C-alpha atoms as a PDB file:
ATOM      1  CA  MET A   1      52.356  83.202  61.236  1.00  0.00           C
ATOM      2  CA  PRO A   2      55.236  81.685  63.275  1.00  0.00           C
ATOM      3  CA  LYS A   3      55.195  82.344  67.002  1.00  0.00           C
ATOM      4  CA  ARG A   4      57.647  84.981  68.130  1.00  0.00           C
ATOM      5  CA  ALA A   5      60.408  83.830  70.454  1.00  0.00           C
ATOM      6  CA  THR A   6      60.127  84.789  74.106  1.00  0.00           C
ATOM      7  CA  THR A   7      62.034  87.952  74.932  1.00  0.00           C
ATOM      8  CA  ILE A   8      64.822  87.561  77.499  1.00  0.00           C
ATOM      9  CA  TYR A   9      65.917  90.408  79.754  1.00  0.00           C
ATOM     10  CA  LEU A  10      69.126  90.272  81.777  1.00  0.00           C
ATOM     11  CA  SER A  11      70.386  92.556  84.470  1.00  0.00           C
ATOM     12  CA  LYS A  12      73.988  93.703  84.358  1.00  0.00           C
ATOM     13  CA  GLN A  13      74.884  91.277  87.167  1.00  0.00           C
ATOM     14  CA  GLU A  14      73.205  88.358  85.375  1.00  0.00           C
ATOM     15  CA  GLN A  15      74.945  89.127  82.111  1.00  0.00           C
ATOM     16  CA  GLU A  16      78.350  89.333  83.805  1.00  0.00           C
ATOM     17  CA  ALA A  17      77.748  86.086  85.723  1.00  0.00           C
ATOM     18  CA  LEU A  18      76.649  84.215  82.596  1.00  0.00           C
ATOM     19  CA  THR A  19      79.665  85.487  80.697  1.00  0.00           C
ATOM     20  CA  ARG A  20      81.981  84.254  83.452  1.00  0.00           C
ATOM     21  CA  LEU A  21      80.352  80.820  83.248  1.00  0.00           C
ATOM     22  CA  THR A  22      81.089  80.586  79.531  1.00  0.00           C
ATOM     23  CA  LYS A  23      84.750  81.534  80.027  1.00  0.00           C
ATOM     24  CA  ARG A  24      85.501  79.542  83.164  1.00  0.00           C
ATOM     25  CA  HIS A  25      87.506  76.406  82.376  1.00  0.00           C
ATOM     26  CA  ARG A  26      85.941  74.448  85.226  1.00  0.00           C
ATOM     27  CA  SER A  27      82.381  75.003  83.994  1.00  0.00           C
ATOM     28  CA  GLU A  28      80.536  71.929  82.768  1.00  0.00           C
ATOM     29  CA  GLN A  29      80.062  71.948  79.008  1.00  0.00           C
ATOM     30  CA  GLN A  30      76.271  71.734  79.309  1.00  0.00           C
ATOM     31  CA  ILE A  31      76.128  74.654  81.756  1.00  0.00           C
ATOM     32  CA  ALA A  32      78.404  76.786  79.560  1.00  0.00           C
ATOM     33  CA  LEU A  33      76.293  75.978  76.476  1.00  0.00           C
ATOM     34  CA  ARG A  34      73.070  76.944  78.216  1.00  0.00           C
ATOM     35  CA  ALA A  35      74.665  80.194  79.402  1.00  0.00           C
ATOM     36  CA  ARG A  36      75.583  81.011  75.780  1.00  0.00           C
ATOM     37  CA  ILE A  37      71.995  80.338  74.729  1.00  0.00           C
ATOM     38  CA  ILE A  38      70.611  82.798  77.291  1.00  0.00           C
ATOM     39  CA  LEU A  39      73.210  85.453  76.450  1.00  0.00           C
ATOM     40  CA  ALA A  40      72.419  85.201  72.731  1.00  0.00           C
ATOM     41  CA  ALA A  41      68.681  85.275  73.417  1.00  0.00           C
ATOM     42  CA  ALA A  42      69.076  88.432  75.518  1.00  0.00           C
ATOM     43  CA  GLN A  43      70.830  90.069  72.563  1.00  0.00           C
ATOM     44  CA  GLY A  44      67.718  89.523  70.427  1.00  0.00           C
ATOM     45  CA  ALA A  45      68.850  86.539  68.370  1.00  0.00           C
ATOM     46  CA  SER A  46      66.161  84.130  67.190  1.00  0.00           C
ATOM     47  CA  ASN A  47      66.068  80.473  68.118  1.00  0.00           C
ATOM     48  CA  ALA A  48      67.170  79.445  64.624  1.00  0.00           C
ATOM     49  CA  GLN A  49      70.094  81.894  64.660  1.00  0.00           C
ATOM     50  CA  ILE A  50      71.307  80.663  68.052  1.00  0.00           C
ATOM     51  CA  ALA A  51      71.011  77.044  66.941  1.00  0.00           C
ATOM     52  CA  ARG A  52      73.103  77.703  63.827  1.00  0.00           C
ATOM     53  CA  GLU A  53      75.780  79.655  65.692  1.00  0.00           C
ATOM     54  CA  LEU A  54      76.166  77.072  68.462  1.00  0.00           C
ATOM     55  CA  GLY A  55      75.640  74.012  66.257  1.00  0.00           C
ATOM     56  CA  ILE A  56      72.761  72.594  68.299  1.00  0.00           C
ATOM     57  CA  ASN A  57      69.129  71.637  67.767  1.00  0.00           C
ATOM     58  CA  VAL A  58      66.650  74.502  67.703  1.00  0.00           C
ATOM     59  CA  ASP A  59      64.452  72.632  70.206  1.00  0.00           C
ATOM     60  CA  THR A  60      67.277  72.870  72.750  1.00  0.00           C
ATOM     61  CA  VAL A  61      67.396  76.636  72.310  1.00  0.00           C
ATOM     62  CA  ARG A  62      63.627  76.911  72.575  1.00  0.00           C
ATOM     63  CA  LEU A  63      63.593  74.795  75.752  1.00  0.00           C
ATOM     64  CA  TRP A  64      66.171  76.837  77.667  1.00  0.00           C
ATOM     65  CA  ARG A  65      64.851  80.190  76.492  1.00  0.00           C
ATOM     66  CA  ALA A  66      61.375  79.239  77.739  1.00  0.00           C
ATOM     67  CA  ARG A  67      62.705  77.742  80.979  1.00  0.00           C
ATOM     68  CA  TRP A  68      64.705  80.891  81.764  1.00  0.00           C
ATOM     69  CA  ALA A  69      61.733  83.161  81.047  1.00  0.00           C
ATOM     70  CA  THR A  70      59.408  80.986  83.157  1.00  0.00           C
ATOM     71  CA  TRP A  71      61.845  81.035  86.059  1.00  0.00           C
ATOM     72  CA  GLN A  72      62.108  84.847  85.968  1.00  0.00           C
ATOM     73  CA  GLU A  73      58.322  85.220  85.921  1.00  0.00           C
ATOM     74  CA  SER A  74      57.797  82.842  88.841  1.00  0.00           C
ATOM     75  CA  ASN A  75      60.747  84.177  90.885  1.00  0.00           C
ATOM     76  CA  PRO A  76      60.696  87.979  90.688  1.00  0.00           C
ATOM     77  CA  GLN A  77      63.723  89.628  92.282  1.00  0.00           C
ATOM     78  CA  LYS A  78      62.829  91.565  95.434  1.00  0.00           C
ATOM     79  CA  SER A  79      64.812  94.447  96.869  1.00  0.00           C
ATOM     80  CA  GLY A  80      67.499  93.286  99.298  1.00  0.00           C
ATOM     81  CA  GLU A  81      66.934  89.597  98.499  1.00  0.00           C
ATOM     82  CA  VAL A  82      69.934  87.395  97.774  1.00  0.00           C
ATOM     83  CA  PRO A  83      69.592  86.167  94.166  1.00  0.00           C
ATOM     84  CA  VAL A  84      69.561  82.454  93.385  1.00  0.00           C
ATOM     85  CA  PRO A  85      72.905  81.374  91.844  1.00  0.00           C
ATOM     86  CA  LEU A  86      72.648  81.345  88.063  1.00  0.00           C
ATOM     87  CA  ILE A  87      74.188  77.903  87.826  1.00  0.00           C
ATOM     88  CA  ARG A  88      71.129  76.488  89.615  1.00  0.00           C
ATOM     89  CA  ARG A  89      68.862  77.958  86.967  1.00  0.00           C
ATOM     90  CA  LEU A  90      70.873  76.212  84.257  1.00  0.00           C
ATOM     91  CA  GLN A  91      70.856  72.756  85.835  1.00  0.00           C
ATOM     92  CA  ASP A  92      68.648  69.890  84.695  1.00  0.00           C
ATOM     93  CA  ALA A  93      65.185  69.678  86.160  1.00  0.00           C
ATOM     94  CA  PRO A  94      64.569  66.853  88.661  1.00  0.00           C
ATOM     95  CA  ARG A  95      63.939  63.606  86.800  1.00  0.00           C
ATOM     96  CA  PRO A  96      60.925  61.412  87.600  1.00  0.00           C
ATOM     97  CA  GLY A  97      61.368  57.948  89.036  1.00  0.00           C
ATOM     98  CA  ALA A  98      62.839  56.366  92.114  1.00  0.00           C
ATOM     99  CA  VAL A  99      65.280  58.286  94.271  1.00  0.00           C
ATOM    100  CA  PRO A 100      68.902  57.166  93.585  1.00  0.00           C
ATOM    101  CA  LYS A 101      70.048  54.602  96.134  1.00  0.00           C
ATOM    102  CA  PHE A 102      73.627  55.918  96.264  1.00  0.00           C
ATOM    103  CA  THR A 103      74.864  59.488  96.414  1.00  0.00           C
ATOM    104  CA  THR A 104      77.399  60.973  94.023  1.00  0.00           C
ATOM    105  CA  GLU A 105      80.059  60.794  96.747  1.00  0.00           C
ATOM    106  CA  GLN A 106      79.355  57.112  97.346  1.00  0.00           C
ATOM    107  CA  ARG A 107      79.628  56.351  93.629  1.00  0.00           C
ATOM    108  CA  ALA A 108      82.947  58.189  93.479  1.00  0.00           C
ATOM    109  CA  GLN A 109      84.224  56.117  96.415  1.00  0.00           C
ATOM    110  CA  MET A 110      83.095  52.931  94.636  1.00  0.00           C
ATOM    111  CA  VAL A 111      85.080  53.857  91.538  1.00  0.00           C
ATOM    112  CA  ALA A 112      88.137  54.712  93.655  1.00  0.00           C
ATOM    113  CA  LEU A 113      87.949  51.347  95.417  1.00  0.00           C
ATOM    114  CA  ALA A 114      87.603  49.449  92.139  1.00  0.00           C
ATOM    115  CA  CYS A 115      90.770  51.171  90.903  1.00  0.00           C
ATOM    116  CA  GLU A 116      92.750  50.032  93.960  1.00  0.00           C
ATOM    117  CA  ALA A 117      94.764  46.837  93.936  1.00  0.00           C
ATOM    118  CA  PRO A 118      93.009  44.222  96.137  1.00  0.00           C
ATOM    119  CA  ALA A 119      96.349  43.442  97.808  1.00  0.00           C
ATOM    120  CA  LYS A 120      96.313  46.896  99.445  1.00  0.00           C
ATOM    121  CA  THR A 121      93.182  45.943 101.343  1.00  0.00           C
ATOM    122  CA  GLY A 122      94.734  42.726 102.657  1.00  0.00           C
ATOM    123  CA  ARG A 123      92.594  40.470 100.471  1.00  0.00           C
ATOM    124  CA  PRO A 124      94.479  37.482  98.951  1.00  0.00           C
ATOM    125  CA  ILE A 125      93.188  38.036  95.412  1.00  0.00           C
ATOM    126  CA  SER A 126      94.686  39.573  92.306  1.00  0.00           C
ATOM    127  CA  GLN A 127      91.460  40.951  90.821  1.00  0.00           C
ATOM    128  CA  TRP A 128      88.242  42.233  92.320  1.00  0.00           C
ATOM    129  CA  THR A 129      85.126  40.112  92.120  1.00  0.00           C
ATOM    130  CA  GLY A 130      81.615  41.390  92.696  1.00  0.00           C
ATOM    131  CA  ARG A 131      81.392  39.596  96.035  1.00  0.00           C
ATOM    132  CA  GLU A 132      84.777  40.835  97.292  1.00  0.00           C
ATOM    133  CA  ILE A 133      84.255  44.450  96.332  1.00  0.00           C
ATOM    134  CA  ALA A 134      80.762  44.462  97.844  1.00  0.00           C
ATOM    135  CA  ALA A 135      82.194  43.121 101.102  1.00  0.00           C
ATOM    136  CA  GLU A 136      84.943  45.757 101.109  1.00  0.00           C
ATOM    137  CA  LEU A 137      82.448  48.556 100.479  1.00  0.00           C
ATOM    138  CA  LYS A 138      80.462  47.466 103.532  1.00  0.00           C
ATOM    139  CA  ALA A 139      83.614  46.949 105.618  1.00  0.00           C
ATOM    140  CA  ARG A 140      84.739  50.525 104.941  1.00  0.00           C
ATOM    141  CA  GLY A 141      81.312  51.871 105.775  1.00  0.00           C
ATOM    142  CA  ILE A 142      80.843  53.371 102.307  1.00  0.00           C
ATOM    143  CA  VAL A 143      77.432  51.696 101.968  1.00  0.00           C
ATOM    144  CA  PRO A 144      75.396  49.815 104.586  1.00  0.00           C
ATOM    145  CA  GLN A 145      74.141  47.284 102.047  1.00  0.00           C
ATOM    146  CA  ILE A 146      74.739  46.564  98.363  1.00  0.00           C
ATOM    147  CA  SER A 147      73.826  43.760  95.991  1.00  0.00           C
ATOM    148  CA  LEU A 148      76.223  42.150  93.536  1.00  0.00           C
ATOM    149  CA  LEU A 149      74.159  43.369  90.581  1.00  0.00           C
ATOM    150  CA  ALA A 150      74.254  46.965  91.845  1.00  0.00           C
ATOM    151  CA  ASP A 151      77.998  46.777  92.422  1.00  0.00           C
ATOM    152  CA  ARG A 152      78.563  45.611  88.836  1.00  0.00           C
ATOM    153  CA  GLY A 153      76.262  48.206  87.316  1.00  0.00           C
ATOM    154  CA  GLY A 154      73.439  45.721  86.699  1.00  0.00           C
ATOM    155  CA  ARG A 155      75.583  43.044  85.089  1.00  0.00           C
ATOM    156  CA  PRO A 156      75.567  39.417  86.321  1.00  0.00           C
ATOM    157  CA  PRO A 157      78.383  38.361  88.687  1.00  0.00           C
ATOM    158  CA  ALA A 158      81.689  37.444  87.121  1.00  0.00           C
ATOM    159  CA  GLY A 159      82.131  33.854  86.086  1.00  0.00           C
ATOM    160  CA  ARG A 160      78.490  33.006  85.403  1.00  0.00           C
ATOM    161  CA  GLU A 161      79.132  32.652  81.684  1.00  0.00           C
ATOM    162  CA  ASP A 162      82.198  30.478  82.432  1.00  0.00           C
ATOM    163  CA  HIS A 163      79.983  27.741  83.908  1.00  0.00           C
ATOM    164  CA  ARG A 164      78.422  26.941  80.539  1.00  0.00           C
ATOM    165  CA  GLY A 165      81.122  24.382  79.817  1.00  0.00           C
ATOM    166  CA  MET A 166      80.723  22.601  83.138  1.00  0.00           C
ATOM    167  CA  PRO A 167      78.138  20.021  81.921  1.00  0.00           C
ATOM    168  CA  GLY A 168      80.671  18.751  79.394  1.00  0.00           C
ATOM    169  CA  VAL A 169      83.369  18.485  82.066  1.00  0.00           C
ATOM    170  CA  CYS A 170      81.034  16.570  84.379  1.00  0.00           C
ATOM    171  CA  ALA A 171      80.042  14.229  81.552  1.00  0.00           C
ATOM    172  CA  GLY A 172      83.716  13.496  80.885  1.00  0.00           C
ATOM    173  CA  CYS A 173      84.313  12.681  84.545  1.00  0.00           C
ATOM    174  CA  ARG A 174      81.373  10.279  84.615  1.00  0.00           C
ATOM    175  CA  ALA A 175      82.580   8.598  81.409  1.00  0.00           C
ATOM    176  CA  SER A 176      86.033   8.015  82.912  1.00  0.00           C
ATOM    177  CA  GLN A 177      84.430   5.941  85.678  1.00  0.00           C
ATOM    178  CA  THR A 178      83.055   3.484  83.112  1.00  0.00           C
ATOM    179  CA  GLY A 179      86.481   2.623  81.731  1.00  0.00           C
ATOM    180  CA  GLU A 180      87.004   5.468  79.247  1.00  0.00           C
ATOM    181  CA  ARG A 181      90.191   7.512  79.460  1.00  0.00           C
ATOM    182  CA  SER A 182      90.299  11.274  79.979  1.00  0.00           C
ATOM    183  CA  ILE A 183      93.408  13.232  79.014  1.00  0.00           C
ATOM    184  CA  SER A 184      94.123  16.643  80.547  1.00  0.00           C
ATOM    185  CA  MET A 185      96.566  18.862  78.691  1.00  0.00           C
ATOM    186  CA  ASP A 186      98.227  22.142  79.591  1.00  0.00           C
ATOM    187  CA  GLU A 187     100.769  24.367  77.882  1.00  0.00           C
ATOM    188  CA  LEU A 188     104.375  24.452  79.156  1.00  0.00           C
ATOM    189  CA  THR A 189     103.743  22.123  82.090  1.00  0.00           C
ATOM    190  CA  GLY A 190     107.479  22.066  82.857  1.00  0.00           C
ATOM    191  CA  VAL A 191     107.713  25.827  83.373  1.00  0.00           C
ATOM    192  CA  GLN A 192     107.319  27.018  86.939  1.00  0.00           C
ATOM    193  CA  ALA A 193     106.101  30.621  86.907  1.00  0.00           C
ATOM    194  CA  LEU A 194     107.251  32.376  90.053  1.00  0.00           C
ATOM    195  CA  GLU A 195     106.117  35.918  89.313  1.00  0.00           C
ATOM    196  CA  ARG A 196     105.360  38.267  86.450  1.00  0.00           C
ATOM    197  CA  LYS A 197     108.182  40.271  84.954  1.00  0.00           C
ATOM    198  CA  TYR A 198     106.530  43.609  85.717  1.00  0.00           C
ATOM    199  CA  PRO A 199     103.844  44.510  88.272  1.00  0.00           C
ATOM    200  CA  ASP A 200     100.268  45.110  87.203  1.00  0.00           C
ATOM    201  CA  LEU A 201      99.179  48.616  86.302  1.00  0.00           C
ATOM    202  CA  PRO A 202      96.001  49.368  88.290  1.00  0.00           C
ATOM    203  CA  MET A 203      92.701  50.355  86.766  1.00  0.00           C
ATOM    204  CA  LEU A 204      91.901  54.003  86.211  1.00  0.00           C
ATOM    205  CA  PRO A 205      88.576  55.595  85.279  1.00  0.00           C
ATOM    206  CA  GLY A 206      88.103  54.717  81.609  1.00  0.00           C
ATOM    207  CA  HIS A 207      91.068  52.300  81.515  1.00  0.00           C
ATOM    208  CA  VAL A 208      91.211  48.587  82.277  1.00  0.00           C
ATOM    209  CA  LEU A 209      93.825  46.887  84.437  1.00  0.00           C
ATOM    210  CA  LEU A 210      97.025  46.101  82.492  1.00  0.00           C
ATOM    211  CA  ARG A 211      98.748  42.806  83.313  1.00  0.00           C
ATOM    212  CA  GLU A 212     102.186  41.687  82.164  1.00  0.00           C
ATOM    213  CA  PHE A 213     102.057  38.490  80.075  1.00  0.00           C
ATOM    214  CA  GLU A 214     105.699  37.489  80.583  1.00  0.00           C
ATOM    215  CA  TYR A 215     106.858  35.488  83.610  1.00  0.00           C
ATOM    216  CA  ILE A 216     110.286  35.192  85.252  1.00  0.00           C
END
């Protein structure tokens, strides 16, 4: 015989607060979805019914129904006590592992800096490098210390893959000293590019920097 789903009871205040969460435009999608799960469970719907109506996995419904019921059992409401905000009950449980090195605010400041043009900071470069942006983060006091790998999200510093062709260049230089000739070619050597026709469009979250290809 299948196990019966845990019964959920909501006070009038809880039901109204959960309903506001589902209708508020600023609510995170995950929080709003979990609020809908609890509201449907309080109305007597089964886990399978809620999963079908919301288009989610039944295990997700079972998880949040059980988590809500467990929280109510371990945190009974006492008379005159200020209730814990419902949004805290619907947030993810603390994840195991090391404590994050940077706070959410610091990460937001990192993204904002990466979207700035380096020229605004007084640095004579057109694009950020891992070393330059790490130095600017420390200069602004955003972080006391940061590695290049952390600044680039775990990726190697820029330009490392560009050095793969260096052995061939060095071999060509050594060969030229023994009497062989080396020819260096470039496109449009007679054109002197003074500046780009239009200024660069800075990076934005989710969008790369856009650079004009035409010179004047």
